[in-house]
Protein backbone atom coordinates (compact mmCIF):
# COMPACT_ATOMS: atom_id res chain seq x y z
CA MET A 1 -67.50 24.66 33.89
CA ILE A 2 -69.09 21.39 35.04
CA LEU A 3 -71.88 23.23 36.84
CA LYS A 4 -72.50 25.45 33.82
CA THR A 5 -72.82 22.48 31.49
CA PHE A 6 -74.62 20.05 33.79
CA GLY A 7 -76.51 22.58 35.92
CA TRP A 8 -79.86 22.01 34.23
CA SER A 9 -79.40 18.25 34.43
CA PHE A 10 -78.73 18.44 38.17
CA ALA A 11 -81.76 20.69 38.67
CA VAL A 12 -84.07 18.46 36.62
CA THR A 13 -82.82 15.40 38.54
CA ALA A 14 -83.56 16.97 41.93
CA LEU A 15 -86.99 18.25 40.87
CA GLY A 16 -87.92 15.03 39.07
CA LEU A 17 -87.00 12.74 41.94
CA ALA A 18 -88.67 15.04 44.47
CA PHE A 19 -91.84 15.15 42.39
CA ALA A 20 -91.88 11.35 41.99
CA ALA A 21 -91.53 10.86 45.75
CA TRP A 22 -94.18 13.50 46.52
CA GLN A 23 -96.70 12.34 43.92
CA TRP A 24 -96.29 8.54 43.99
CA GLY A 25 -94.08 7.65 46.96
CA TRP A 26 -90.66 6.12 47.50
CA GLU A 27 -91.24 3.23 45.11
CA ALA A 28 -91.61 5.70 42.25
CA PHE A 29 -88.51 7.56 43.49
CA GLY A 30 -86.45 4.37 43.27
CA ILE A 31 -87.76 3.32 39.85
CA VAL A 32 -87.25 6.79 38.34
CA LEU A 33 -83.68 6.79 39.68
CA ILE A 34 -83.01 3.33 38.22
CA LEU A 35 -84.37 4.33 34.81
CA SER A 36 -82.27 7.51 34.84
CA VAL A 37 -79.06 5.58 35.52
CA LEU A 38 -80.01 2.96 32.92
CA GLU A 39 -80.60 5.61 30.25
CA ILE A 40 -77.28 7.32 30.95
CA SER A 41 -75.28 4.09 30.92
CA LEU A 42 -76.85 2.89 27.67
CA SER A 43 -76.49 6.21 25.82
CA PHE A 44 -72.85 7.25 26.22
CA ASP A 45 -72.15 6.24 22.63
CA ASN A 46 -75.07 8.48 21.62
CA ALA A 47 -73.38 11.43 23.33
CA VAL A 48 -70.06 10.80 21.58
CA VAL A 49 -71.66 10.61 18.13
CA ASN A 50 -73.84 13.64 18.86
CA ALA A 51 -70.73 15.59 19.86
CA GLY A 52 -69.12 14.82 16.51
CA VAL A 53 -72.06 16.53 14.80
CA LEU A 54 -72.72 19.26 17.35
CA LYS A 55 -69.15 20.61 17.17
CA LYS A 56 -69.97 21.79 13.64
CA MET A 57 -72.72 24.07 14.99
CA ASN A 58 -72.33 27.52 16.52
CA ALA A 59 -73.23 28.42 20.12
CA PHE A 60 -76.81 29.35 19.14
CA TRP A 61 -77.61 25.94 17.70
CA GLN A 62 -75.94 24.24 20.62
CA LYS A 63 -78.40 26.09 22.85
CA ILE A 64 -81.28 25.02 20.59
CA PHE A 65 -80.07 21.44 20.95
CA LEU A 66 -80.20 21.76 24.75
CA THR A 67 -83.58 23.54 24.89
CA VAL A 68 -85.91 22.70 22.00
CA GLY A 69 -84.03 19.46 21.37
CA ILE A 70 -84.42 18.24 24.92
CA LEU A 71 -88.16 18.93 24.80
CA VAL A 72 -88.39 16.73 21.73
CA ALA A 73 -86.24 14.04 23.36
CA VAL A 74 -88.04 14.01 26.72
CA PHE A 75 -91.66 14.71 25.85
CA GLY A 76 -91.63 13.55 22.26
CA MET A 77 -89.72 10.27 22.42
CA ARG A 78 -90.18 9.29 26.08
CA LEU A 79 -93.84 10.25 26.55
CA VAL A 80 -95.68 11.05 23.31
CA PHE A 81 -94.04 8.40 21.12
CA PRO A 82 -95.17 5.34 23.14
CA VAL A 83 -98.69 6.79 23.31
CA LEU A 84 -98.77 7.28 19.54
CA ILE A 85 -97.58 3.70 19.03
CA VAL A 86 -100.48 2.41 21.10
CA ALA A 87 -102.94 4.75 19.41
CA VAL A 88 -101.94 3.47 15.97
CA SER A 89 -101.64 -0.19 16.97
CA ALA A 90 -104.95 -0.32 18.82
CA GLU A 91 -106.66 2.09 16.39
CA VAL A 92 -107.76 4.35 19.23
CA GLY A 93 -107.40 8.06 19.94
CA PRO A 94 -104.50 9.53 21.93
CA VAL A 95 -106.76 10.15 24.94
CA GLU A 96 -107.83 6.50 24.98
CA ALA A 97 -104.19 5.46 24.63
CA VAL A 98 -103.31 7.49 27.72
CA ARG A 99 -106.24 5.88 29.55
CA LEU A 100 -104.89 2.45 28.62
CA ALA A 101 -101.46 3.44 29.94
CA LEU A 102 -102.96 4.50 33.27
CA ASP A 103 -105.76 1.97 33.76
CA GLU A 104 -104.58 -1.07 31.77
CA PRO A 105 -100.77 -0.96 31.85
CA ALA A 106 -100.41 -4.64 30.91
CA ARG A 107 -102.38 -4.18 27.70
CA TYR A 108 -100.54 -0.93 27.01
CA GLU A 109 -97.20 -2.74 27.32
CA ALA A 110 -98.44 -5.54 25.06
CA LEU A 111 -99.44 -3.05 22.34
CA VAL A 112 -96.07 -1.28 22.48
CA THR A 113 -94.24 -4.61 22.40
CA ASP A 114 -96.32 -5.74 19.43
CA ALA A 115 -95.16 -2.66 17.52
CA HIS A 116 -91.51 -3.39 18.32
CA PRO A 117 -90.61 -5.09 14.98
CA ALA A 118 -91.48 -1.94 13.03
CA ILE A 119 -89.71 0.31 15.56
CA ALA A 120 -86.61 -1.88 15.54
CA ALA A 121 -86.51 -1.99 11.73
CA PHE A 122 -86.75 1.80 11.41
CA GLY A 123 -84.16 2.53 14.09
CA GLY A 124 -81.89 -0.33 13.05
CA MET A 125 -81.72 0.82 9.44
CA PHE A 126 -81.09 4.44 10.37
CA LEU A 127 -78.24 3.49 12.71
CA LEU A 128 -76.86 0.92 10.28
CA MET A 129 -76.53 3.60 7.60
CA ILE A 130 -74.62 5.84 10.02
CA PHE A 131 -72.23 3.00 10.79
CA LEU A 132 -71.74 1.96 7.17
CA ASP A 133 -71.12 5.49 5.91
CA PHE A 134 -68.50 5.90 8.64
CA VAL A 135 -66.55 2.66 8.12
CA LEU A 136 -66.74 2.78 4.31
CA LYS A 137 -65.15 6.24 4.16
CA ASP A 138 -61.39 6.63 3.84
CA ARG A 139 -60.22 8.54 6.93
CA ASP A 140 -56.82 9.95 7.81
CA VAL A 141 -57.07 8.54 11.34
CA LYS A 142 -57.72 4.81 11.52
CA TRP A 143 -58.29 2.87 14.72
CA LEU A 144 -58.55 -0.76 13.53
CA ALA A 145 -56.41 -0.23 10.45
CA ARG A 146 -56.44 -3.85 9.24
CA LEU A 147 -60.22 -3.71 9.09
CA GLU A 148 -60.75 -0.09 8.10
CA ARG A 149 -58.32 0.02 5.15
CA PRO A 150 -60.09 -2.69 3.07
CA LEU A 151 -63.50 -1.26 4.06
CA ALA A 152 -62.39 2.17 2.85
CA ARG A 153 -61.38 0.64 -0.50
CA LEU A 154 -64.77 -1.05 -0.76
CA GLY A 155 -66.42 2.27 0.07
CA LYS A 156 -65.33 3.64 -3.30
CA VAL A 157 -68.14 1.57 -4.85
CA ASP A 158 -71.13 3.88 -5.35
CA MET A 159 -74.15 3.27 -3.10
CA LEU A 160 -72.49 0.28 -1.41
CA SER A 161 -73.78 1.29 2.03
CA VAL A 162 -77.36 1.43 0.73
CA CYS A 163 -77.02 -1.98 -0.92
CA VAL A 164 -75.60 -3.56 2.24
CA ALA A 165 -78.30 -1.99 4.39
CA LEU A 166 -81.08 -3.18 2.06
CA GLY A 167 -79.57 -6.66 2.07
CA ALA A 168 -79.61 -6.68 5.88
CA LEU A 169 -83.24 -5.50 5.83
CA LEU A 170 -84.27 -8.27 3.42
CA ILE A 171 -82.64 -10.89 5.63
CA THR A 172 -84.37 -9.44 8.70
CA ALA A 173 -87.77 -9.33 7.03
CA THR A 174 -87.64 -12.77 5.44
CA ALA A 175 -85.90 -14.68 8.22
CA PHE A 176 -86.43 -12.96 11.55
CA ALA A 177 -89.81 -11.25 11.12
CA THR A 178 -91.56 -14.21 9.48
CA GLN A 179 -90.25 -16.82 11.91
CA ALA A 180 -90.92 -14.67 14.94
CA HIS A 181 -94.57 -14.13 14.33
CA ILE A 182 -95.46 -17.45 12.74
CA SER A 183 -93.92 -19.25 15.70
CA THR A 184 -96.03 -17.26 18.14
CA GLY A 185 -99.20 -17.54 16.13
CA HIS A 186 -99.32 -13.81 15.36
CA THR A 187 -99.73 -12.11 12.01
CA ASP A 188 -96.66 -12.23 9.78
CA LYS A 189 -95.05 -8.76 10.01
CA SER A 190 -92.38 -9.13 7.34
CA ALA A 191 -94.12 -6.52 5.15
CA THR A 192 -94.34 -4.12 8.09
CA VAL A 193 -90.65 -4.62 8.86
CA LEU A 194 -89.74 -3.99 5.21
CA LEU A 195 -91.81 -0.80 5.07
CA ALA A 196 -90.46 0.52 8.38
CA GLY A 197 -86.88 -0.32 7.41
CA VAL A 198 -87.17 1.45 4.07
CA ALA A 199 -88.66 4.45 5.91
CA GLY A 200 -85.62 4.49 8.21
CA LEU A 201 -83.27 4.32 5.22
CA VAL A 202 -85.10 7.10 3.35
CA THR A 203 -85.14 9.27 6.49
CA TYR A 204 -81.38 8.94 6.81
CA LEU A 205 -80.79 9.72 3.14
CA VAL A 206 -83.08 12.77 3.15
CA VAL A 207 -82.03 14.37 6.44
CA GLY A 208 -78.35 13.44 6.13
CA GLY A 209 -78.27 14.44 2.47
CA LEU A 210 -79.82 17.86 3.06
CA SER A 211 -77.55 18.64 6.02
CA GLY A 212 -74.50 17.57 3.99
CA TYR A 213 -75.64 19.66 1.02
CA PHE A 214 -76.05 22.87 2.97
CA GLU A 215 -72.86 22.24 4.92
CA SER A 216 -70.88 21.86 1.67
CA ARG A 217 -72.56 25.00 0.28
CA LEU A 218 -71.41 26.92 3.35
CA GLU A 219 -67.83 25.59 3.06
CA ASP A 220 -67.69 26.51 -0.64
CA GLU A 221 -69.02 29.99 0.11
CA GLU A 222 -66.47 30.61 2.84
CA SER A 223 -63.51 29.22 0.84
CA SER A 224 -64.22 30.99 -2.46
CA GLY A 225 -65.78 34.22 -1.22
CA ASP A 226 -68.00 34.26 -4.33
CA ARG A 227 -71.23 36.22 -4.33
CA PRO A 228 -74.02 36.27 -6.95
CA VAL A 229 -73.61 39.12 -9.42
CA GLY A 230 -76.53 41.51 -9.83
CA ASP A 231 -78.53 39.73 -7.18
CA ARG A 232 -78.97 39.85 -3.44
CA PRO A 233 -75.79 38.56 -1.73
CA VAL A 234 -75.94 35.08 -0.32
CA SER A 235 -75.70 35.30 3.45
CA ALA A 236 -73.18 32.97 5.02
CA LEU A 237 -75.28 33.15 8.17
CA ALA A 238 -78.35 31.97 6.23
CA LEU A 239 -76.41 29.06 4.76
CA ALA A 240 -75.03 28.20 8.19
CA GLY A 241 -78.56 28.37 9.55
CA LYS A 242 -79.87 25.94 6.96
CA ALA A 243 -76.97 23.57 7.46
CA ALA A 244 -77.34 23.74 11.24
CA PHE A 245 -81.10 23.24 11.01
CA PHE A 246 -80.79 20.00 9.06
CA LEU A 247 -77.95 18.84 11.29
CA PHE A 248 -80.30 19.51 14.20
CA LEU A 249 -83.00 17.38 12.55
CA TYR A 250 -80.37 14.70 11.94
CA LEU A 251 -79.44 14.75 15.63
CA GLU A 252 -83.08 14.45 16.68
CA VAL A 253 -83.68 11.43 14.45
CA LEU A 254 -80.39 9.95 15.69
CA ASP A 255 -81.48 10.42 19.30
CA ALA A 256 -84.85 8.85 18.49
CA SER A 257 -83.16 5.82 16.96
CA PHE A 258 -80.96 5.41 20.03
CA SER A 259 -83.93 5.73 22.38
CA PHE A 260 -86.10 3.05 20.76
CA ASP A 261 -84.55 0.16 22.64
CA GLY A 262 -84.47 2.14 25.89
CA VAL A 263 -88.17 2.95 25.69
CA ILE A 264 -89.08 -0.66 24.97
CA GLY A 265 -86.64 -1.97 27.57
CA ALA A 266 -88.04 0.32 30.25
CA PHE A 267 -91.12 -1.91 30.39
CA ALA A 268 -88.90 -4.50 32.07
CA VAL A 269 -88.71 -2.08 35.01
CA THR A 270 -92.19 -0.55 35.10
CA ASN A 271 -95.44 -0.17 33.16
CA HIS A 272 -96.16 3.30 34.55
CA ILE A 273 -96.01 5.72 31.64
CA PHE A 274 -95.14 8.80 33.69
CA TRP A 275 -92.45 7.05 35.74
CA MET A 276 -90.89 5.90 32.47
CA ALA A 277 -91.03 9.36 30.92
CA LEU A 278 -89.58 10.99 34.03
CA GLY A 279 -86.71 8.51 34.47
CA LEU A 280 -85.76 8.32 30.81
CA GLY A 281 -86.15 12.09 30.49
CA ILE A 282 -83.69 12.73 33.32
CA GLY A 283 -81.23 10.38 31.66
CA ALA A 284 -81.72 12.16 28.32
CA MET A 285 -80.83 15.48 29.97
CA TYR A 286 -77.46 14.09 31.06
CA VAL A 287 -76.80 12.67 27.59
CA ARG A 288 -77.41 16.14 26.10
CA SER A 289 -75.22 17.86 28.70
CA LEU A 290 -72.46 15.28 28.18
CA THR A 291 -72.61 15.93 24.44
CA VAL A 292 -72.07 19.66 24.95
CA HIS A 293 -69.31 18.97 27.49
CA LEU A 294 -67.43 16.79 24.99
CA VAL A 295 -67.68 19.57 22.40
CA ARG A 296 -66.56 22.38 24.69
CA GLN A 297 -63.66 20.40 26.13
CA GLY A 298 -62.47 19.29 22.69
CA THR A 299 -62.45 15.70 23.90
CA LEU A 300 -62.97 14.24 20.43
CA ASP A 301 -59.93 16.13 19.16
CA ASP A 302 -57.78 14.96 22.07
CA TYR A 303 -58.93 11.33 21.95
CA VAL A 304 -59.22 10.71 18.24
CA TYR A 305 -60.43 7.11 18.39
CA LEU A 306 -63.54 7.88 20.48
CA GLU A 307 -65.65 8.54 17.39
CA HIS A 308 -64.51 5.24 15.94
CA GLY A 309 -65.50 3.37 19.08
CA ALA A 310 -68.87 5.12 19.19
CA HIS A 311 -69.61 4.27 15.56
CA TYR A 312 -68.69 0.64 16.10
CA ALA A 313 -71.09 0.72 19.06
CA ILE A 314 -73.73 2.15 16.70
CA GLY A 315 -73.11 -0.72 14.30
CA ALA A 316 -73.54 -3.20 17.15
CA LEU A 317 -76.75 -1.49 18.29
CA ALA A 318 -78.11 -1.50 14.72
CA GLY A 319 -77.47 -5.23 14.44
CA ILE A 320 -79.04 -5.87 17.84
CA LEU A 321 -82.14 -3.88 16.93
CA LEU A 322 -82.61 -5.93 13.76
CA VAL A 323 -82.06 -9.17 15.68
CA THR A 324 -84.67 -8.13 18.28
CA VAL A 325 -87.29 -8.38 15.56
CA ARG A 326 -86.98 -12.13 16.22
CA TYR A 327 -85.18 -12.53 19.55
CA GLU A 328 -85.12 -10.69 22.85
CA VAL A 329 -81.77 -9.15 23.79
CA ASN A 330 -81.23 -7.83 27.30
CA GLU A 331 -80.53 -4.08 27.42
CA ILE A 332 -77.60 -4.71 29.75
CA VAL A 333 -75.87 -6.67 26.96
CA THR A 334 -76.49 -3.81 24.55
CA GLY A 335 -75.13 -1.26 26.98
CA LEU A 336 -72.05 -3.31 27.86
CA ILE A 337 -71.09 -3.76 24.21
CA GLY A 338 -71.22 -0.01 23.68
CA VAL A 339 -69.31 0.77 26.87
CA LEU A 340 -66.57 -1.78 26.07
CA LEU A 341 -66.08 -0.49 22.54
CA ILE A 342 -65.87 3.13 23.68
CA ALA A 343 -63.58 2.21 26.57
CA ALA A 344 -61.28 0.34 24.17
CA SER A 345 -61.17 3.32 21.81
CA PHE A 346 -60.40 5.64 24.72
CA VAL A 347 -57.51 3.45 25.90
CA SER A 348 -56.18 3.31 22.35
CA SER A 349 -56.39 7.11 22.14
CA VAL A 350 -54.46 7.51 25.39
CA ARG A 351 -51.73 5.14 24.15
CA ARG A 352 -51.54 7.04 20.86
CA ASN A 353 -51.18 10.38 22.65
CA ARG A 354 -48.41 8.99 24.88
CA ALA A 355 -46.57 7.54 21.88
CA LEU A 356 -46.78 10.89 20.06
CA ALA A 357 -45.56 12.72 23.16
CA ARG A 358 -42.60 10.34 23.52
CA ALA A 359 -41.72 10.71 19.85
CA GLU A 360 -41.87 14.51 20.13
CA THR A 361 -39.67 14.44 23.24
CA GLU A 362 -37.12 12.19 21.54
CA GLU A 363 -37.11 14.41 18.47
CA VAL A 364 -36.48 17.50 20.57
CA GLY A 365 -33.72 15.68 22.49
CA ALA A 366 -32.06 14.56 19.27
CA GLY A 367 -32.18 18.10 17.95
CA VAL A 368 -30.47 19.43 21.04
């Protein structure tokens, strides 16, 4: 089962490391390996949240997530995306951006770093909306009940998550973005941060809204069994396909938002564009495989607080991304926060399962 799920990840790791050593030497081998481990360690919360969405899809769309989705994640986000950032920032063509990455890595890094406020605002707002919509919803299972109960009551206010997110964006744009760039003598990017943040918010609302719409259509169709009269029957498969397609888009934007800080942080290790793409790509493969493994093993059903821990980690990452518009935050800190939150939710889940097992045993014993 492990080999079936992680087989492609193992193969890509072996080929990627071998290619790095053959093409660029042992230094490249070591850096690619470091970046791979870094990506995996920082993205476990991504895998848990992805699994919560992916379990709603059938086997076909899970395969699409591991094939087409991984191409988008590896080549799109880890290779093409940084090049496009430089092309837009420097107002040059993609070919010239690649030349800068190869011949002038320091300038290439500076251009990507200069675009970080907009990237952080977009990703931060998208992730913040995921977190807010999770904690403001009344759920049967509550992890931190004293916190989640009042938040669920507040969540009954219409559009509260959007209002809170916009408030956070305004604070970021007026306080962090302005101070950051005035203090360094650069152009004030508060307008850019506002525009990018609104784009992240709109992206979440559109993609999440469409996926939710088609998912609810499918559930209504399956529960009622209604069909249009005098017209071509509505195919449940077609509705499932639409719902799965938009959930797939949602997952891709989610993965992109998670990868923003990793792509920027990779420059702390190397300026070599292909080493970065190879290392981060290998790590992304494991994140995808881990997502599928969590779904197939039913881990989220067995350990019910894992999704809570992952969403709290998302909230922390969203806040960190917005803060990085003004301040630098080490990726190790970001990763540790996520790992600690997920570990705490896992421990809580184990304790809950043991308590339920003891209660069931005592109930059976009392009945005897």
